[in-house]
Amino acid sequence: MEKIGFIEIRITGSKGNIDLSPDNYDIREIISILENAENLLYPSDKKDRPIISYKIEEGSVKHILKTSIQYIIGFNAIIGQVNQVQNIDFLDLATAKAFENIQDISTKRNYIFTIKTSLNNSNEVRVDKTTNYYRTEAIWADAEFYFYGKVTNAGGKDKANIHVLTEELGTVRIQTPISFLEQYDENLLYKTFGIRAIGKQHSETGEVDTTTLKFLELVDYQPTYDEKYLKSLRDKAKKSWLGIINPDDWLKGIRGGYDE
């Protein structure tokens, strides 16, 4: 049987004059913590992740999230490093954003978060209104990208976007003006396109912040293998370059007279 451990996210604070407890802790707050906790534990592909079980306890509010001990060990190292360097620039994007979200909650509601694991002598990190767990803006620079792939979704009631299934990043969602989708005559779905977009990119690792992507232009993309076109290029090269070369003289030039 797989060994299990847990992370504990303890929140202290108050609702007005009443101390925080599971009885006055709203369900939307629980949902927010669960979403962020998943990104803390599994920042990348969540499709095949192990099960995460959950319970809430008194004191003031304790979120207990159980999962594979392997990931608990890894997370323990992360919070130890965060506590030591007091910044989150080194983290994967999803993990960094989870810390930023927790920092936002702490600042807005004056909550104190204490995060640790079930390991003996666990590392621990505290987030409160005096901490500043946000990524350094200078590290994330504006950049332009081209994404090639199949369009799997397009539209949206208020904030329109296009979903593109790419080989490198999986499905990326690109904010798209409703005016473009209204004026585009053809059906985009399940067709392959290139999309030019702008967004944020990590200046050191090259990681793309896919939540910042905004549409610039649709590029007609035809990734077919055109043998006739390639043959014409080869023939052109033969006439313009190979046709004026004497093979013996060329070989002597490469050797530099070494065998004379």
Protein backbone atom coordinates (compact mmCIF):
# COMPACT_ATOMS: atom_id res chain seq x y z
CA MET A 1 0.00 0.00 0.00
CA GLU A 2 1.29 3.46 -0.90
CA LYS A 3 2.62 5.50 2.02
CA ILE A 4 0.60 8.64 2.76
CA GLY A 5 1.53 11.95 4.34
CA PHE A 6 -0.18 15.29 4.58
CA ILE A 7 0.27 19.02 4.45
CA GLU A 8 -1.37 21.25 7.02
CA ILE A 9 -2.51 24.75 6.15
CA ARG A 10 -3.50 26.45 9.40
CA ILE A 11 -5.32 29.77 9.30
CA THR A 12 -5.79 32.06 12.30
CA GLY A 13 -7.75 35.27 12.25
CA SER A 14 -11.24 36.53 12.91
CA LYS A 15 -14.59 37.39 11.35
CA GLY A 16 -15.34 40.72 12.94
CA ASN A 17 -15.18 40.08 16.67
CA ILE A 18 -15.48 36.31 16.32
CA ASP A 19 -12.41 34.09 16.11
CA LEU A 20 -12.09 32.08 12.93
CA SER A 21 -13.36 28.48 13.11
CA PRO A 22 -14.78 25.85 10.76
CA ASP A 23 -18.28 27.00 11.75
CA ASN A 24 -17.83 30.51 10.32
CA TYR A 25 -15.43 29.63 7.51
CA ASP A 26 -17.26 30.01 4.18
CA ILE A 27 -17.36 27.27 1.55
CA ARG A 28 -15.90 29.62 -1.08
CA GLU A 29 -12.86 30.08 1.11
CA ILE A 30 -12.51 26.31 1.33
CA ILE A 31 -12.71 25.98 -2.46
CA SER A 32 -10.00 28.62 -2.89
CA ILE A 33 -7.67 26.81 -0.50
CA LEU A 34 -8.27 23.46 -2.21
CA GLU A 35 -7.46 24.89 -5.63
CA ASN A 36 -4.27 26.50 -4.38
CA ALA A 37 -3.25 23.41 -2.41
CA GLU A 38 -3.48 21.28 -5.55
CA ASN A 39 -1.11 23.66 -7.32
CA LEU A 40 1.27 23.60 -4.36
CA LEU A 41 1.48 19.81 -4.47
CA TYR A 42 1.12 19.19 -8.21
CA PRO A 43 2.09 22.30 -10.21
CA SER A 44 2.30 20.58 -13.60
CA ASP A 45 0.23 17.79 -15.12
CA LYS A 46 -2.69 16.99 -12.81
CA LYS A 47 -4.28 14.35 -15.02
CA ASP A 48 -2.39 11.41 -13.52
CA ARG A 49 -1.68 12.81 -10.07
CA PRO A 50 -2.30 10.68 -6.94
CA ILE A 51 -5.50 11.17 -4.94
CA ILE A 52 -5.64 14.08 -2.51
CA SER A 53 -8.06 13.57 0.39
CA TYR A 54 -9.21 16.41 2.61
CA LYS A 55 -10.59 17.27 6.02
CA ILE A 56 -11.04 20.47 7.99
CA GLU A 57 -10.28 20.71 11.72
CA GLU A 58 -10.52 23.18 14.58
CA GLY A 59 -7.70 25.43 15.60
CA SER A 60 -8.58 28.10 14.29
CA VAL A 61 -9.07 26.47 10.88
CA LYS A 62 -6.81 23.60 9.80
CA HIS A 63 -6.89 22.27 6.26
CA ILE A 64 -5.43 18.74 6.17
CA LEU A 65 -4.60 17.40 2.71
CA LYS A 66 -3.38 13.82 2.45
CA THR A 67 -1.52 12.41 -0.53
CA SER A 68 1.51 10.32 -1.54
CA ILE A 69 4.44 10.75 0.85
CA GLN A 70 6.75 11.23 -2.13
CA TYR A 71 5.10 14.55 -2.95
CA ILE A 72 4.92 15.56 0.71
CA ILE A 73 8.70 15.14 0.95
CA GLY A 74 9.16 17.31 -2.14
CA PHE A 75 6.81 19.98 -0.80
CA ASN A 76 8.60 20.01 2.54
CA ALA A 77 11.80 20.94 0.70
CA ILE A 78 9.95 23.72 -1.15
CA ILE A 79 8.55 25.40 1.95
CA GLY A 80 11.95 25.11 3.62
CA GLN A 81 13.55 26.99 0.74
CA VAL A 82 10.76 29.58 0.60
CA ASN A 83 11.17 30.23 4.32
CA GLN A 84 14.95 30.50 3.98
CA VAL A 85 15.14 32.89 1.00
CA GLN A 86 11.84 34.71 1.69
CA ASN A 87 10.86 34.87 -1.99
CA ILE A 88 9.19 32.65 -4.58
CA ASP A 89 11.03 33.54 -7.80
CA PHE A 90 12.61 30.07 -7.99
CA LEU A 91 9.29 28.21 -7.97
CA ASP A 92 7.35 26.71 -10.86
CA LEU A 93 4.73 29.10 -12.16
CA ALA A 94 1.69 27.28 -10.72
CA THR A 95 3.31 26.93 -7.28
CA ALA A 96 4.37 30.58 -7.24
CA LYS A 97 0.85 31.69 -8.14
CA ALA A 98 -0.59 29.56 -5.35
CA PHE A 99 1.67 31.35 -2.86
CA GLU A 100 0.65 34.69 -4.36
CA ASN A 101 -3.03 33.81 -3.95
CA ILE A 102 -2.49 32.82 -0.33
CA GLN A 103 -0.61 36.09 0.22
CA ASP A 104 -3.56 38.00 -1.30
CA ILE A 105 -6.02 36.28 1.05
CA SER A 106 -3.80 36.98 4.03
CA THR A 107 -3.46 40.67 3.16
CA LYS A 108 -7.17 41.24 2.39
CA ARG A 109 -8.60 39.33 5.36
CA ASN A 110 -5.76 39.78 7.85
CA TYR A 111 -5.38 36.01 8.14
CA ILE A 112 -2.18 34.30 9.27
CA PHE A 113 -1.28 31.15 7.31
CA THR A 114 1.09 28.53 8.69
CA ILE A 115 2.01 25.80 6.22
CA LYS A 116 3.86 22.61 7.20
CA THR A 117 3.88 18.87 6.54
CA SER A 118 3.42 15.65 8.53
CA LEU A 119 7.15 14.86 8.41
CA ASN A 120 9.13 14.84 11.64
CA ASN A 121 10.84 18.22 12.16
CA SER A 122 8.86 19.57 9.21
CA ASN A 123 9.84 22.80 7.55
CA GLU A 124 7.31 25.56 8.02
CA VAL A 125 6.44 28.82 6.29
CA ARG A 126 4.28 31.66 7.60
CA VAL A 127 2.27 34.01 5.39
CA ASP A 128 0.72 37.14 6.88
CA LYS A 129 0.10 40.79 5.97
CA THR A 130 3.73 41.65 6.67
CA THR A 131 5.19 39.10 4.23
CA ASN A 132 5.59 39.71 0.52
CA TYR A 133 5.34 36.43 -1.35
CA TYR A 134 5.04 37.78 -4.88
CA ARG A 135 7.18 37.13 -7.92
CA THR A 136 9.68 39.82 -8.88
CA GLU A 137 8.16 41.73 -11.79
CA ALA A 138 11.51 42.23 -13.53
CA ILE A 139 11.89 38.49 -14.02
CA TRP A 140 8.67 38.26 -16.06
CA ALA A 141 9.10 40.17 -19.30
CA ASP A 142 6.70 40.91 -22.15
CA ALA A 143 7.24 38.57 -25.08
CA GLU A 144 5.66 37.55 -28.38
CA PHE A 145 4.84 33.94 -29.19
CA TYR A 146 3.61 31.76 -32.03
CA PHE A 147 1.46 28.77 -31.05
CA TYR A 148 0.67 26.09 -33.60
CA GLY A 149 -2.01 23.48 -33.09
CA LYS A 150 -5.64 22.45 -33.32
CA VAL A 151 -8.31 24.85 -32.08
CA THR A 152 -10.47 22.96 -29.57
CA ASN A 153 -12.66 25.82 -28.31
CA ALA A 154 -13.43 29.40 -29.28
CA GLY A 155 -15.76 31.93 -27.69
CA GLY A 156 -16.99 32.93 -24.27
CA LYS A 157 -19.82 35.02 -22.87
CA ASP A 158 -17.83 37.84 -21.26
CA LYS A 159 -14.16 37.08 -21.78
CA ALA A 160 -13.68 35.40 -25.14
CA ASN A 161 -10.74 33.11 -25.76
CA ILE A 162 -9.36 30.51 -28.12
CA HIS A 163 -8.08 27.14 -26.87
CA VAL A 164 -5.22 25.68 -28.92
CA LEU A 165 -3.88 22.15 -28.42
CA THR A 166 -0.09 22.40 -28.86
CA GLU A 167 2.62 19.74 -28.74
CA GLU A 168 4.89 21.71 -26.39
CA LEU A 169 2.51 23.14 -23.78
CA GLY A 170 -0.66 21.09 -24.17
CA THR A 171 -3.80 23.21 -24.39
CA VAL A 172 -3.20 26.94 -24.08
CA ARG A 173 -5.96 29.51 -23.64
CA ILE A 174 -5.49 32.81 -25.42
CA GLN A 175 -7.61 35.86 -24.60
CA THR A 176 -9.23 36.94 -27.87
CA PRO A 177 -11.32 40.01 -28.76
CA ILE A 178 -14.99 39.17 -29.25
CA SER A 179 -14.91 41.46 -32.31
CA PHE A 180 -12.44 39.12 -34.04
CA LEU A 181 -14.57 36.02 -33.42
CA GLU A 182 -17.70 37.86 -34.62
CA GLN A 183 -16.07 38.92 -37.89
CA TYR A 184 -14.34 35.62 -38.68
CA ASP A 185 -16.51 33.84 -41.24
CA GLU A 186 -15.17 30.27 -41.08
CA ASN A 187 -15.56 27.74 -38.30
CA LEU A 188 -12.29 27.59 -36.32
CA LEU A 189 -13.01 24.42 -34.38
CA TYR A 190 -10.80 21.38 -34.90
CA LYS A 191 -8.73 23.10 -37.59
CA THR A 192 -4.99 23.68 -37.31
CA PHE A 193 -3.80 27.28 -37.11
CA GLY A 194 -0.90 29.34 -35.96
CA ILE A 195 -1.71 32.09 -33.48
CA ARG A 196 0.52 35.07 -32.76
CA ALA A 197 0.11 36.24 -29.18
CA ILE A 198 1.75 38.33 -26.50
CA GLY A 199 2.26 37.41 -22.86
CA LYS A 200 4.76 37.10 -20.04
CA GLN A 201 7.88 34.94 -20.17
CA HIS A 202 10.39 34.20 -17.44
CA SER A 203 13.61 35.97 -18.43
CA GLU A 204 15.83 33.23 -16.97
CA THR A 205 14.01 29.93 -17.51
CA GLY A 206 11.97 30.79 -20.61
CA GLU A 207 8.77 29.56 -18.94
CA VAL A 208 5.60 31.02 -20.45
CA ASP A 209 2.88 32.38 -18.18
CA THR A 210 -0.06 30.99 -20.14
CA THR A 211 -2.57 32.97 -18.06
CA THR A 212 -1.32 36.23 -19.60
CA LEU A 213 -1.65 35.31 -23.28
CA LYS A 214 -3.50 37.77 -25.54
CA PHE A 215 -4.38 37.29 -29.18
CA LEU A 216 -2.67 39.33 -31.91
CA GLU A 217 -3.17 37.52 -35.18
CA LEU A 218 -4.41 34.28 -36.73
CA VAL A 219 -1.86 32.66 -39.02
CA ASP A 220 -2.91 30.22 -41.73
CA TYR A 221 -0.80 27.15 -41.07
CA GLN A 222 -0.32 24.35 -43.60
CA PRO A 223 2.22 21.86 -42.21
CA THR A 224 2.08 19.59 -45.27
CA TYR A 225 5.15 18.05 -46.85
CA ASP A 226 5.48 19.56 -50.33
CA GLU A 227 7.87 17.36 -52.34
CA LYS A 228 7.52 19.43 -55.53
CA TYR A 229 8.47 22.60 -53.71
CA LEU A 230 11.50 20.98 -52.07
CA LYS A 231 12.62 19.51 -55.41
CA SER A 232 12.45 22.94 -57.01
CA LEU A 233 14.70 24.30 -54.26
CA ARG A 234 17.21 21.49 -54.82
CA ASP A 235 17.23 22.08 -58.59
CA LYS A 236 17.71 25.79 -58.05
CA ALA A 237 20.65 25.13 -55.76
CA LYS A 238 22.26 22.80 -58.30
CA LYS A 239 22.07 25.45 -61.02
CA SER A 240 23.17 28.43 -58.98
CA TRP A 241 25.86 26.84 -56.80
CA LEU A 242 26.81 23.26 -57.64
CA GLY A 243 26.89 23.97 -61.39
CA ILE A 244 29.80 26.40 -61.09
CA ILE A 245 31.94 24.23 -58.80
CA ASN A 246 34.72 21.94 -60.01
CA PRO A 247 34.66 19.06 -57.50
CA ASP A 248 38.46 18.47 -57.68
CA ASP A 249 39.30 22.14 -57.12
CA TRP A 250 36.76 22.36 -54.30
CA LEU A 251 38.26 19.32 -52.56
CA LYS A 252 41.79 20.71 -52.88
CA GLY A 253 40.60 23.97 -51.37
CA ILE A 254 39.11 22.15 -48.41
CA ARG A 255 42.31 20.16 -47.87
CA GLY A 256 44.37 23.36 -48.07
CA GLY A 257 47.08 21.69 -50.12
CA TYR A 258 47.82 19.32 -47.25
CA ASP A 259 48.36 16.26 -49.53
CA GLU A 260 50.48 18.05 -52.17
